[in-house]
N, C-alpha and C. Protein backbone atom coordinates (compact mmCIF):
# COMPACT_ATOMS: atom_id res chain seq x y z
N MET A 1 4.62 29.55 7.37
CA MET A 1 4.49 28.18 6.93
C MET A 1 3.85 27.35 8.04
N GLU A 2 2.90 26.52 7.67
CA GLU A 2 2.18 25.72 8.66
C GLU A 2 3.03 24.53 9.09
N GLN A 3 3.05 24.29 10.39
CA GLN A 3 3.82 23.18 10.91
C GLN A 3 3.07 21.87 10.67
N ALA A 4 3.78 20.85 10.26
CA ALA A 4 3.16 19.56 9.98
C ALA A 4 2.69 18.91 11.28
N LEU A 5 1.51 18.28 11.23
CA LEU A 5 0.99 17.58 12.39
C LEU A 5 1.70 16.25 12.55
N ASN A 6 1.93 15.89 13.81
CA ASN A 6 2.47 14.54 14.01
C ASN A 6 1.30 13.56 13.87
N PRO A 7 1.57 12.30 13.68
CA PRO A 7 0.49 11.33 13.43
C PRO A 7 -0.57 11.29 14.52
N VAL A 8 -0.17 11.42 15.78
CA VAL A 8 -1.14 11.36 16.87
C VAL A 8 -2.11 12.54 16.78
N ASP A 9 -1.58 13.74 16.56
CA ASP A 9 -2.45 14.91 16.43
C ASP A 9 -3.36 14.79 15.22
N TRP A 10 -2.83 14.26 14.14
CA TRP A 10 -3.62 14.10 12.92
C TRP A 10 -4.80 13.17 13.18
N TYR A 11 -4.52 12.03 13.83
CA TYR A 11 -5.60 11.09 14.14
C TYR A 11 -6.60 11.69 15.13
N MET A 12 -6.12 12.45 16.09
CA MET A 12 -7.04 13.06 17.06
C MET A 12 -8.00 14.02 16.36
N LYS A 13 -7.50 14.80 15.41
CA LYS A 13 -8.38 15.70 14.66
C LYS A 13 -9.38 14.91 13.82
N LEU A 14 -8.92 13.81 13.27
CA LEU A 14 -9.78 12.97 12.45
C LEU A 14 -10.87 12.30 13.29
N LEU A 15 -10.53 11.88 14.50
CA LEU A 15 -11.46 11.15 15.35
C LEU A 15 -12.34 12.04 16.22
N ALA A 16 -12.01 13.31 16.33
CA ALA A 16 -12.73 14.23 17.22
C ALA A 16 -14.24 14.24 17.00
N PRO A 17 -14.74 14.26 15.77
CA PRO A 17 -16.20 14.33 15.59
C PRO A 17 -16.95 13.02 15.83
N LEU A 18 -16.24 11.93 16.06
CA LEU A 18 -16.91 10.64 16.25
C LEU A 18 -17.61 10.57 17.60
N SER A 19 -18.63 9.75 17.66
CA SER A 19 -19.38 9.58 18.91
C SER A 19 -18.53 8.81 19.93
N PRO A 20 -18.84 8.97 21.22
CA PRO A 20 -18.10 8.23 22.25
C PRO A 20 -18.15 6.71 22.05
N ASP A 21 -19.28 6.19 21.60
CA ASP A 21 -19.38 4.74 21.38
C ASP A 21 -18.41 4.26 20.30
N ILE A 22 -18.31 5.02 19.23
CA ILE A 22 -17.39 4.64 18.15
C ILE A 22 -15.95 4.74 18.64
N LYS A 23 -15.65 5.79 19.41
CA LYS A 23 -14.29 5.94 19.94
C LYS A 23 -13.94 4.77 20.86
N LEU A 24 -14.88 4.36 21.71
CA LEU A 24 -14.62 3.22 22.60
C LEU A 24 -14.41 1.93 21.80
N ASP A 25 -15.16 1.77 20.73
CA ASP A 25 -14.98 0.61 19.88
C ASP A 25 -13.59 0.61 19.24
N LEU A 26 -13.16 1.79 18.80
CA LEU A 26 -11.81 1.91 18.22
C LEU A 26 -10.74 1.58 19.25
N ILE A 27 -10.92 2.08 20.48
CA ILE A 27 -9.96 1.80 21.55
C ILE A 27 -9.88 0.29 21.78
N SER A 28 -11.02 -0.34 21.81
CA SER A 28 -11.06 -1.79 22.03
C SER A 28 -10.32 -2.53 20.91
N LYS A 29 -10.57 -2.13 19.68
CA LYS A 29 -9.92 -2.80 18.55
C LYS A 29 -8.42 -2.54 18.53
N LEU A 30 -8.01 -1.32 18.88
CA LEU A 30 -6.58 -1.01 18.96
C LEU A 30 -5.91 -1.84 20.05
N SER A 31 -6.59 -1.96 21.19
CA SER A 31 -6.05 -2.76 22.29
C SER A 31 -5.86 -4.21 21.86
N GLU A 32 -6.85 -4.75 21.18
CA GLU A 32 -6.75 -6.13 20.70
C GLU A 32 -5.61 -6.28 19.70
N SER A 33 -5.45 -5.28 18.84
CA SER A 33 -4.38 -5.38 17.85
C SER A 33 -3.01 -5.35 18.52
N LEU A 34 -2.88 -4.63 19.64
CA LEU A 34 -1.61 -4.60 20.36
C LEU A 34 -1.31 -5.95 21.00
N LYS A 35 -2.33 -6.63 21.45
CA LYS A 35 -2.14 -7.94 22.06
C LYS A 35 -1.67 -8.95 21.02
N ASP A 36 -2.09 -8.78 19.79
CA ASP A 36 -1.73 -9.71 18.72
C ASP A 36 -0.48 -9.30 17.96
N THR A 37 0.19 -8.22 18.37
CA THR A 37 1.32 -7.69 17.62
C THR A 37 2.46 -8.69 17.51
N HIS A 38 2.78 -9.40 18.57
CA HIS A 38 3.92 -10.31 18.52
C HIS A 38 3.71 -11.45 17.54
N THR A 39 2.49 -11.87 17.33
CA THR A 39 2.24 -12.94 16.36
C THR A 39 1.99 -12.37 14.97
N TYR A 40 1.59 -11.11 14.90
CA TYR A 40 1.26 -10.50 13.61
C TYR A 40 2.47 -10.46 12.68
N SER A 41 3.62 -9.99 13.18
CA SER A 41 4.78 -9.86 12.31
C SER A 41 5.22 -11.21 11.77
N LYS A 42 5.15 -12.25 12.58
CA LYS A 42 5.53 -13.58 12.11
C LYS A 42 4.56 -14.07 11.04
N LYS A 43 3.26 -13.88 11.28
CA LYS A 43 2.26 -14.33 10.32
C LYS A 43 2.41 -13.60 9.00
N THR A 44 2.62 -12.28 9.06
CA THR A 44 2.71 -11.47 7.85
C THR A 44 3.93 -11.87 7.03
N SER A 45 5.09 -11.97 7.66
CA SER A 45 6.29 -12.29 6.90
C SER A 45 6.20 -13.70 6.32
N SER A 46 5.63 -14.61 7.07
CA SER A 46 5.49 -15.98 6.60
C SER A 46 4.54 -16.04 5.41
N LYS A 47 3.41 -15.36 5.50
CA LYS A 47 2.44 -15.36 4.41
C LYS A 47 3.03 -14.68 3.17
N SER A 48 3.75 -13.56 3.37
CA SER A 48 4.34 -12.86 2.25
C SER A 48 5.36 -13.74 1.55
N SER A 49 6.17 -14.41 2.33
CA SER A 49 7.19 -15.28 1.76
C SER A 49 6.55 -16.41 0.96
N ASP A 50 5.52 -17.03 1.53
CA ASP A 50 4.83 -18.12 0.84
C ASP A 50 4.16 -17.62 -0.44
N PHE A 51 3.59 -16.43 -0.37
CA PHE A 51 2.89 -15.86 -1.51
C PHE A 51 3.85 -15.66 -2.68
N PHE A 52 4.99 -15.03 -2.41
CA PHE A 52 5.93 -14.76 -3.50
C PHE A 52 6.63 -16.03 -3.97
N SER A 53 6.83 -16.97 -3.08
CA SER A 53 7.41 -18.25 -3.49
C SER A 53 6.48 -18.97 -4.45
N ALA A 54 5.18 -18.89 -4.17
CA ALA A 54 4.20 -19.54 -5.03
C ALA A 54 4.17 -18.92 -6.42
N LEU A 55 4.46 -17.62 -6.51
CA LEU A 55 4.43 -16.94 -7.80
C LEU A 55 5.72 -17.11 -8.59
N SER A 56 6.77 -17.51 -7.94
CA SER A 56 8.06 -17.66 -8.60
C SER A 56 7.93 -18.66 -9.75
N GLY A 57 8.28 -18.20 -10.94
CA GLY A 57 8.20 -19.06 -12.11
C GLY A 57 6.81 -19.21 -12.69
N ALA A 58 5.85 -18.45 -12.18
CA ALA A 58 4.47 -18.57 -12.65
C ALA A 58 4.30 -18.03 -14.07
N TRP A 59 5.14 -17.07 -14.46
CA TRP A 59 5.04 -16.48 -15.79
C TRP A 59 5.83 -17.36 -16.75
N GLU A 60 5.14 -18.05 -17.61
CA GLU A 60 5.81 -18.94 -18.55
C GLU A 60 5.84 -18.28 -19.92
N ASP A 61 7.05 -17.95 -20.36
CA ASP A 61 7.23 -17.26 -21.62
C ASP A 61 8.65 -17.52 -22.09
N ASP A 62 8.85 -17.58 -23.40
CA ASP A 62 10.19 -17.80 -23.94
C ASP A 62 10.94 -16.49 -24.15
N THR A 63 10.30 -15.37 -23.91
CA THR A 63 10.92 -14.07 -24.11
C THR A 63 11.95 -13.82 -23.02
N SER A 64 13.13 -13.32 -23.43
CA SER A 64 14.18 -13.04 -22.45
C SER A 64 13.83 -11.77 -21.67
N VAL A 65 14.49 -11.61 -20.54
CA VAL A 65 14.27 -10.43 -19.71
C VAL A 65 14.60 -9.17 -20.49
N GLU A 66 15.69 -9.22 -21.24
CA GLU A 66 16.12 -8.05 -22.02
C GLU A 66 15.06 -7.66 -23.05
N ASP A 67 14.45 -8.66 -23.69
CA ASP A 67 13.39 -8.38 -24.66
C ASP A 67 12.16 -7.78 -23.98
N GLU A 68 11.81 -8.30 -22.81
CA GLU A 68 10.67 -7.75 -22.06
C GLU A 68 10.92 -6.29 -21.71
N VAL A 69 12.12 -5.99 -21.22
CA VAL A 69 12.47 -4.61 -20.87
C VAL A 69 12.41 -3.72 -22.09
N ARG A 70 12.94 -4.20 -23.23
CA ARG A 70 12.91 -3.42 -24.47
C ARG A 70 11.48 -3.14 -24.90
N LYS A 71 10.61 -4.15 -24.83
CA LYS A 71 9.20 -3.96 -25.20
C LYS A 71 8.51 -2.94 -24.31
N ILE A 72 8.79 -3.01 -23.03
CA ILE A 72 8.18 -2.05 -22.10
C ILE A 72 8.63 -0.64 -22.43
N ARG A 73 9.93 -0.47 -22.65
CA ARG A 73 10.46 0.87 -22.96
C ARG A 73 9.91 1.40 -24.29
N GLU A 74 9.79 0.53 -25.27
CA GLU A 74 9.27 0.96 -26.57
C GLU A 74 7.79 1.32 -26.51
N SER A 75 7.07 0.73 -25.58
CA SER A 75 5.63 1.00 -25.51
C SER A 75 5.30 2.26 -24.72
N ARG A 76 6.29 2.83 -24.06
CA ARG A 76 6.04 4.06 -23.31
C ARG A 76 5.77 5.21 -24.28
N THR A 77 4.81 6.04 -23.91
CA THR A 77 4.44 7.14 -24.81
C THR A 77 4.93 8.49 -24.33
N SER A 78 5.21 8.66 -23.05
CA SER A 78 5.69 9.93 -22.49
C SER A 78 4.83 11.10 -22.95
N ASN A 79 3.53 10.94 -22.89
CA ASN A 79 2.57 11.98 -23.24
C ASN A 79 2.64 12.39 -24.71
N GLN A 80 3.16 11.55 -25.58
CA GLN A 80 3.23 11.87 -27.00
C GLN A 80 1.84 11.86 -27.63
N THR A 81 0.93 11.10 -27.06
CA THR A 81 -0.41 11.01 -27.63
C THR A 81 -1.37 12.01 -27.00
N ARG A 82 -0.88 12.77 -26.06
CA ARG A 82 -1.74 13.71 -25.34
C ARG A 82 -2.01 14.94 -26.20
N ILE A 83 -3.27 15.32 -26.31
CA ILE A 83 -3.66 16.50 -27.08
C ILE A 83 -4.18 17.54 -26.11
N ILE A 84 -3.54 18.71 -26.13
CA ILE A 84 -3.95 19.79 -25.24
C ILE A 84 -4.62 20.87 -26.07
N ASP A 85 -5.87 21.16 -25.74
CA ASP A 85 -6.60 22.21 -26.45
C ASP A 85 -6.20 23.57 -25.90
N GLU A 86 -6.01 24.52 -26.80
CA GLU A 86 -5.71 25.88 -26.37
C GLU A 86 -7.01 26.62 -26.12
N PHE A 87 -6.97 27.57 -25.21
CA PHE A 87 -8.16 28.36 -24.88
C PHE A 87 -8.24 29.60 -25.72
């Protein structure tokens, strides 16, 4: 059984064929991303929170949650419409 690669080894295999210039550019961008890490998590969580807050109540419908769930379940086909040709 083949041993799974850890993420660093996986990326190294992926990046191996790239030119030195591209690798240096990647290093530069990774370095910059590390410098911005402390502000990144705050920005992301704040934006995510604002995004979902803005969507809250956006769906205007008189249908109850139970009716929506029932409609979704009734519309599922579970491959009932699938036609498999025999060889």
